[in-house]
Protein backbone atom coordinates (compact mmCIF):
# COMPACT_ATOMS: atom_id res chain seq x y z
CA MET A 1 -5.14 4.29 -13.02
CA SER A 2 -2.99 6.83 -13.33
CA ALA A 3 1.19 6.24 -14.19
CA PRO A 4 3.40 5.56 -11.27
CA THR A 5 4.67 9.10 -9.56
CA ALA A 6 7.72 9.85 -7.50
CA ARG A 7 6.26 10.37 -4.58
CA ALA A 8 5.99 6.90 -3.66
CA GLN A 9 9.42 6.16 -2.62
CA PRO A 10 10.21 4.22 0.37
CA PHE A 11 12.67 5.28 2.67
CA TYR A 12 13.38 1.94 4.48
CA CYS A 13 12.77 -1.76 3.99
CA PRO A 14 9.10 -2.69 5.18
CA TYR A 15 10.66 -6.18 6.25
CA CYS A 16 13.87 -5.49 8.08
CA GLY A 17 13.69 -1.73 8.20
CA GLU A 18 17.16 -1.10 6.79
CA PRO A 19 17.71 2.31 4.94
CA ASP A 20 19.82 0.60 1.85
CA ILE A 21 17.17 -0.12 -0.45
CA ARG A 22 17.46 0.69 -4.64
CA PRO A 23 15.23 0.70 -7.28
CA ASP A 24 15.01 -2.63 -9.54
CA GLU A 25 14.88 -2.88 -13.01
CA ASP A 26 11.19 -3.19 -12.88
CA ALA A 27 9.13 -0.09 -12.61
CA GLY A 28 7.87 0.27 -8.84
CA VAL A 29 9.78 -2.68 -7.58
CA HIS A 30 12.71 -2.07 -5.08
CA HIS A 31 15.33 -4.16 -3.33
CA CYS A 32 16.38 -4.32 -0.12
CA ARG A 33 20.12 -5.05 -0.27
CA LEU A 34 20.52 -6.54 3.58
CA CYS A 35 17.35 -9.15 3.35
CA ASP A 36 17.78 -9.26 -0.61
CA ARG A 37 13.80 -8.96 -0.77
CA ARG A 38 12.01 -6.96 -3.80
CA TRP A 39 8.80 -5.39 -3.42
CA ARG A 40 6.53 -3.35 -5.42
CA LEU A 41 4.93 -0.25 -4.22
CA GLU A 42 2.19 1.69 -6.04
CA PHE A 43 0.31 4.72 -5.71
CA ARG A 44 -3.12 3.65 -5.12
CA GLY A 45 -4.94 6.80 -4.25
CA LEU A 46 -5.73 9.35 -1.30
CA ALA A 47 -7.30 7.91 1.93
CA GLY A 48 -10.79 9.07 2.08
CA SER A 49 -11.21 9.62 -1.61
CA ALA A 50 -14.64 8.34 -2.68
CA ALA A 51 -14.53 6.11 -6.17
CA SER A 52 -17.62 6.99 -7.76
């Protein structure tokens, strides 16, 4: 699998919908300051691409 890319940037928290999210210390982890949740976002590939 390739390295994470900048295009996997979220704009809203997937739990509360708040736009005030920040990158965390760990790569790919984001933190919502309103609901105080952290989650990892990673690019897994394009839809419909064959994995052969």
